[in-house]
C-alpha atoms as a PDB file:
ATOM      1  CA  UNK A   1      -7.943  95.057 -61.518  1.00  0.00           C
ATOM      2  CA  UNK A   2      -9.659  91.928 -60.229  1.00  0.00           C
ATOM      3  CA  UNK A   3      -7.178  89.528 -58.611  1.00  0.00           C
ATOM      4  CA  UNK A   4      -7.951  85.853 -59.287  1.00  0.00           C
ATOM      5  CA  UNK A   5      -6.326  82.951 -57.472  1.00  0.00           C
ATOM      6  CA  UNK A   6      -6.229  80.011 -59.880  1.00  0.00           C
ATOM      7  CA  UNK A   7      -6.417  76.786 -57.861  1.00  0.00           C
ATOM      8  CA  UNK A   8      -6.010  73.169 -58.821  1.00  0.00           C
ATOM      9  CA  UNK A   9      -3.891  70.070 -58.607  1.00  0.00           C
ATOM     10  CA  UNK A  10      -0.125  70.424 -58.762  1.00  0.00           C
ATOM     11  CA  UNK A  11       1.216  67.156 -57.378  1.00  0.00           C
ATOM     12  CA  UNK A  12       0.736  63.761 -59.013  1.00  0.00           C
ATOM     13  CA  UNK A  13       1.983  60.198 -58.718  1.00  0.00           C
ATOM     14  CA  UNK A  14       4.570  60.702 -61.440  1.00  0.00           C
ATOM     15  CA  UNK A  15       6.504  63.398 -63.267  1.00  0.00           C
ATOM     16  CA  UNK A  16       4.233  63.303 -66.311  1.00  0.00           C
ATOM     17  CA  UNK A  17       1.210  63.891 -64.096  1.00  0.00           C
ATOM     18  CA  UNK A  18       2.894  66.885 -62.439  1.00  0.00           C
ATOM     19  CA  UNK A  19       3.804  68.320 -65.853  1.00  0.00           C
ATOM     20  CA  UNK A  20       0.245  67.807 -67.054  1.00  0.00           C
ATOM     21  CA  UNK A  21      -1.098  69.636 -63.988  1.00  0.00           C
ATOM     22  CA  UNK A  22       1.380  72.478 -64.499  1.00  0.00           C
ATOM     23  CA  UNK A  23       0.268  72.801 -68.117  1.00  0.00           C
ATOM     24  CA  UNK A  24      -3.424  72.908 -67.219  1.00  0.00           C
ATOM     25  CA  UNK A  25      -2.871  75.502 -64.501  1.00  0.00           C
ATOM     26  CA  UNK A  26      -0.721  77.772 -66.628  1.00  0.00           C
ATOM     27  CA  UNK A  27      -3.138  77.529 -69.556  1.00  0.00           C
ATOM     28  CA  UNK A  28      -6.143  78.575 -67.453  1.00  0.00           C
ATOM     29  CA  UNK A  29      -4.132  81.327 -65.751  1.00  0.00           C
ATOM     30  CA  UNK A  30      -3.171  82.677 -69.182  1.00  0.00           C
ATOM     31  CA  UNK A  31      -6.831  82.668 -70.249  1.00  0.00           C
ATOM     32  CA  UNK A  32      -7.678  84.636 -67.088  1.00  0.00           C
ATOM     33  CA  UNK A  33      -4.921  87.126 -67.915  1.00  0.00           C
ATOM     34  CA  UNK A  34      -6.072  87.486 -71.537  1.00  0.00           C
ATOM     35  CA  UNK A  35      -9.616  88.128 -70.303  1.00  0.00           C
ATOM     36  CA  UNK A  36      -8.360  91.190 -68.410  1.00  0.00           C
ATOM     37  CA  UNK A  37      -7.874  89.889 -64.886  1.00  0.00           C
ATOM     38  CA  UNK A  38      -4.773  89.587 -62.669  1.00  0.00           C
ATOM     39  CA  UNK A  39      -4.258  85.863 -62.045  1.00  0.00           C
ATOM     40  CA  UNK A  40      -2.029  84.304 -59.418  1.00  0.00           C
ATOM     41  CA  UNK A  41      -0.594  81.134 -61.004  1.00  0.00           C
ATOM     42  CA  UNK A  42       0.966  78.763 -58.440  1.00  0.00           C
ATOM     43  CA  UNK A  43       2.251  76.481 -61.202  1.00  0.00           C
ATOM     44  CA  UNK A  44       4.900  79.033 -62.108  1.00  0.00           C
ATOM     45  CA  UNK A  45       6.594  78.104 -58.819  1.00  0.00           C
ATOM     46  CA  UNK A  46       8.510  75.452 -60.717  1.00  0.00           C
ATOM     47  CA  UNK A  47      10.873  78.262 -61.751  1.00  0.00           C
ATOM     48  CA  UNK A  48      11.845  78.720 -58.113  1.00  0.00           C
ATOM     49  CA  UNK A  49      12.529  75.010 -57.770  1.00  0.00           C
ATOM     50  CA  UNK A  50      14.827  75.124 -60.801  1.00  0.00           C
ATOM     51  CA  UNK A  51      16.760  77.995 -59.210  1.00  0.00           C
ATOM     52  CA  UNK A  52      16.964  76.340 -55.782  1.00  0.00           C
ATOM     53  CA  UNK A  53      20.041  74.222 -56.519  1.00  0.00           C
ATOM     54  CA  UNK A  54      20.874  74.021 -52.808  1.00  0.00           C
ATOM     55  CA  UNK A  55      17.365  72.686 -52.063  1.00  0.00           C
ATOM     56  CA  UNK A  56      16.743  75.250 -49.349  1.00  0.00           C
ATOM     57  CA  UNK A  57      13.029  75.616 -50.102  1.00  0.00           C
ATOM     58  CA  UNK A  58      10.533  73.152 -48.679  1.00  0.00           C
ATOM     59  CA  UNK A  59       6.889  72.527 -49.572  1.00  0.00           C
ATOM     60  CA  UNK A  60       5.488  74.651 -46.702  1.00  0.00           C
ATOM     61  CA  UNK A  61       7.435  77.628 -48.102  1.00  0.00           C
ATOM     62  CA  UNK A  62       5.383  77.362 -51.282  1.00  0.00           C
ATOM     63  CA  UNK A  63       2.108  76.888 -49.397  1.00  0.00           C
ATOM     64  CA  UNK A  64       2.726  79.966 -47.256  1.00  0.00           C
ATOM     65  CA  UNK A  65       3.721  82.046 -50.274  1.00  0.00           C
ATOM     66  CA  UNK A  66       0.600  81.001 -52.197  1.00  0.00           C
ATOM     67  CA  UNK A  67      -1.747  81.645 -49.281  1.00  0.00           C
ATOM     68  CA  UNK A  68      -0.309  85.164 -48.930  1.00  0.00           C
ATOM     69  CA  UNK A  69      -1.725  85.824 -52.406  1.00  0.00           C
ATOM     70  CA  UNK A  70      -4.959  83.912 -51.886  1.00  0.00           C
ATOM     71  CA  UNK A  71      -6.025  86.079 -48.953  1.00  0.00           C
ATOM     72  CA  UNK A  72      -5.872  89.269 -51.049  1.00  0.00           C
ATOM     73  CA  UNK A  73      -7.652  87.900 -54.116  1.00  0.00           C
ATOM     74  CA  UNK A  74     -11.173  88.855 -55.134  1.00  0.00           C
ATOM     75  CA  UNK A  75     -11.991  85.379 -56.449  1.00  0.00           C
ATOM     76  CA  UNK A  76     -10.790  81.805 -56.819  1.00  0.00           C
ATOM     77  CA  UNK A  77     -11.042  79.980 -60.147  1.00  0.00           C
ATOM     78  CA  UNK A  78     -10.790  76.190 -60.142  1.00  0.00           C
ATOM     79  CA  UNK A  79      -8.884  74.186 -62.721  1.00  0.00           C
ATOM     80  CA  UNK A  80     -10.874  71.134 -63.848  1.00  0.00           C
ATOM     81  CA  UNK A  81      -9.645  68.037 -62.023  1.00  0.00           C
ATOM     82  CA  UNK A  82      -8.973  69.846 -58.731  1.00  0.00           C
ATOM     83  CA  UNK A  83     -11.252  67.499 -56.774  1.00  0.00           C
ATOM     84  CA  UNK A  84      -8.485  65.112 -55.653  1.00  0.00           C
ATOM     85  CA  UNK A  85      -6.106  67.871 -54.585  1.00  0.00           C
ATOM     86  CA  UNK A  86      -5.589  68.179 -50.826  1.00  0.00           C
ATOM     87  CA  UNK A  87      -3.899  71.531 -51.333  1.00  0.00           C
ATOM     88  CA  UNK A  88      -6.853  72.907 -53.273  1.00  0.00           C
ATOM     89  CA  UNK A  89      -9.243  71.669 -50.589  1.00  0.00           C
ATOM     90  CA  UNK A  90      -7.219  73.590 -47.996  1.00  0.00           C
ATOM     91  CA  UNK A  91      -7.231  76.695 -50.212  1.00  0.00           C
ATOM     92  CA  UNK A  92     -11.001  76.444 -50.619  1.00  0.00           C
ATOM     93  CA  UNK A  93     -11.451  76.252 -46.849  1.00  0.00           C
ATOM     94  CA  UNK A  94      -9.470  79.481 -46.496  1.00  0.00           C
ATOM     95  CA  UNK A  95     -11.462  81.130 -49.295  1.00  0.00           C
ATOM     96  CA  UNK A  96     -14.677  80.075 -47.576  1.00  0.00           C
ATOM     97  CA  UNK A  97     -13.507  81.492 -44.237  1.00  0.00           C
ATOM     98  CA  UNK A  98     -12.722  84.808 -45.951  1.00  0.00           C
ATOM     99  CA  UNK A  99     -15.927  84.803 -48.071  1.00  0.00           C
ATOM    100  CA  UNK A 100     -13.914  84.824 -51.294  1.00  0.00           C
ATOM    101  CA  UNK A 101     -16.175  83.598 -54.108  1.00  0.00           C
ATOM    102  CA  UNK A 102     -15.143  80.431 -55.930  1.00  0.00           C
ATOM    103  CA  UNK A 103     -15.853  79.746 -59.593  1.00  0.00           C
ATOM    104  CA  UNK A 104     -15.789  76.529 -61.608  1.00  0.00           C
ATOM    105  CA  UNK A 105     -15.252  78.248 -64.935  1.00  0.00           C
ATOM    106  CA  UNK A 106     -14.056  81.487 -66.449  1.00  0.00           C
ATOM    107  CA  UNK A 107     -17.481  82.370 -67.828  1.00  0.00           C
ATOM    108  CA  UNK A 108     -18.978  82.478 -64.310  1.00  0.00           C
ATOM    109  CA  UNK A 109     -16.096  84.644 -63.124  1.00  0.00           C
ATOM    110  CA  UNK A 110     -16.582  87.078 -66.008  1.00  0.00           C
ATOM    111  CA  UNK A 111     -20.338  87.266 -65.363  1.00  0.00           C
ATOM    112  CA  UNK A 112     -19.730  88.093 -61.701  1.00  0.00           C
ATOM    113  CA  UNK A 113     -16.770  90.440 -62.202  1.00  0.00           C
ATOM    114  CA  UNK A 114     -17.280  92.006 -65.643  1.00  0.00           C
ATOM    115  CA  UNK A 115     -14.383  93.955 -67.080  1.00  0.00           C
ATOM    116  CA  UNK A 116     -15.414  97.494 -67.942  1.00  0.00           C
ATOM    117  CA  UNK A 117     -12.329  98.222 -70.059  1.00  0.00           C
ATOM    118  CA  UNK A 118     -11.303  95.870 -72.846  1.00  0.00           C
ATOM    119  CA  UNK A 119      -7.812  94.492 -72.204  1.00  0.00           C
ATOM    120  CA  UNK A 120      -5.034  95.523 -74.577  1.00  0.00           C
END
């Protein structure tokens, strides 16, 4: 199964912006999943934050965890609006160093990595 790292903005200047970014990331990740791929969705990390009542986790913990998945992915798919995300820029630099192809839309990803078996 093709592993796809879905990358885009997470942070924002306000809570509503963060929630909007989470929604966009999860929506695209779900579309990737429905298309028959194995997406990594960093926006689901909010569940860990909700569980971390003692606030033991710090931002670098999430970065390191995400990069551990990025380096084993076959492709990166960008969420529209990623351009102002410092984190996404760093992820793209890593993808470039590892020659992991980057796609701006799901259609390009599907054309490059066609699924031979229709998903259930």
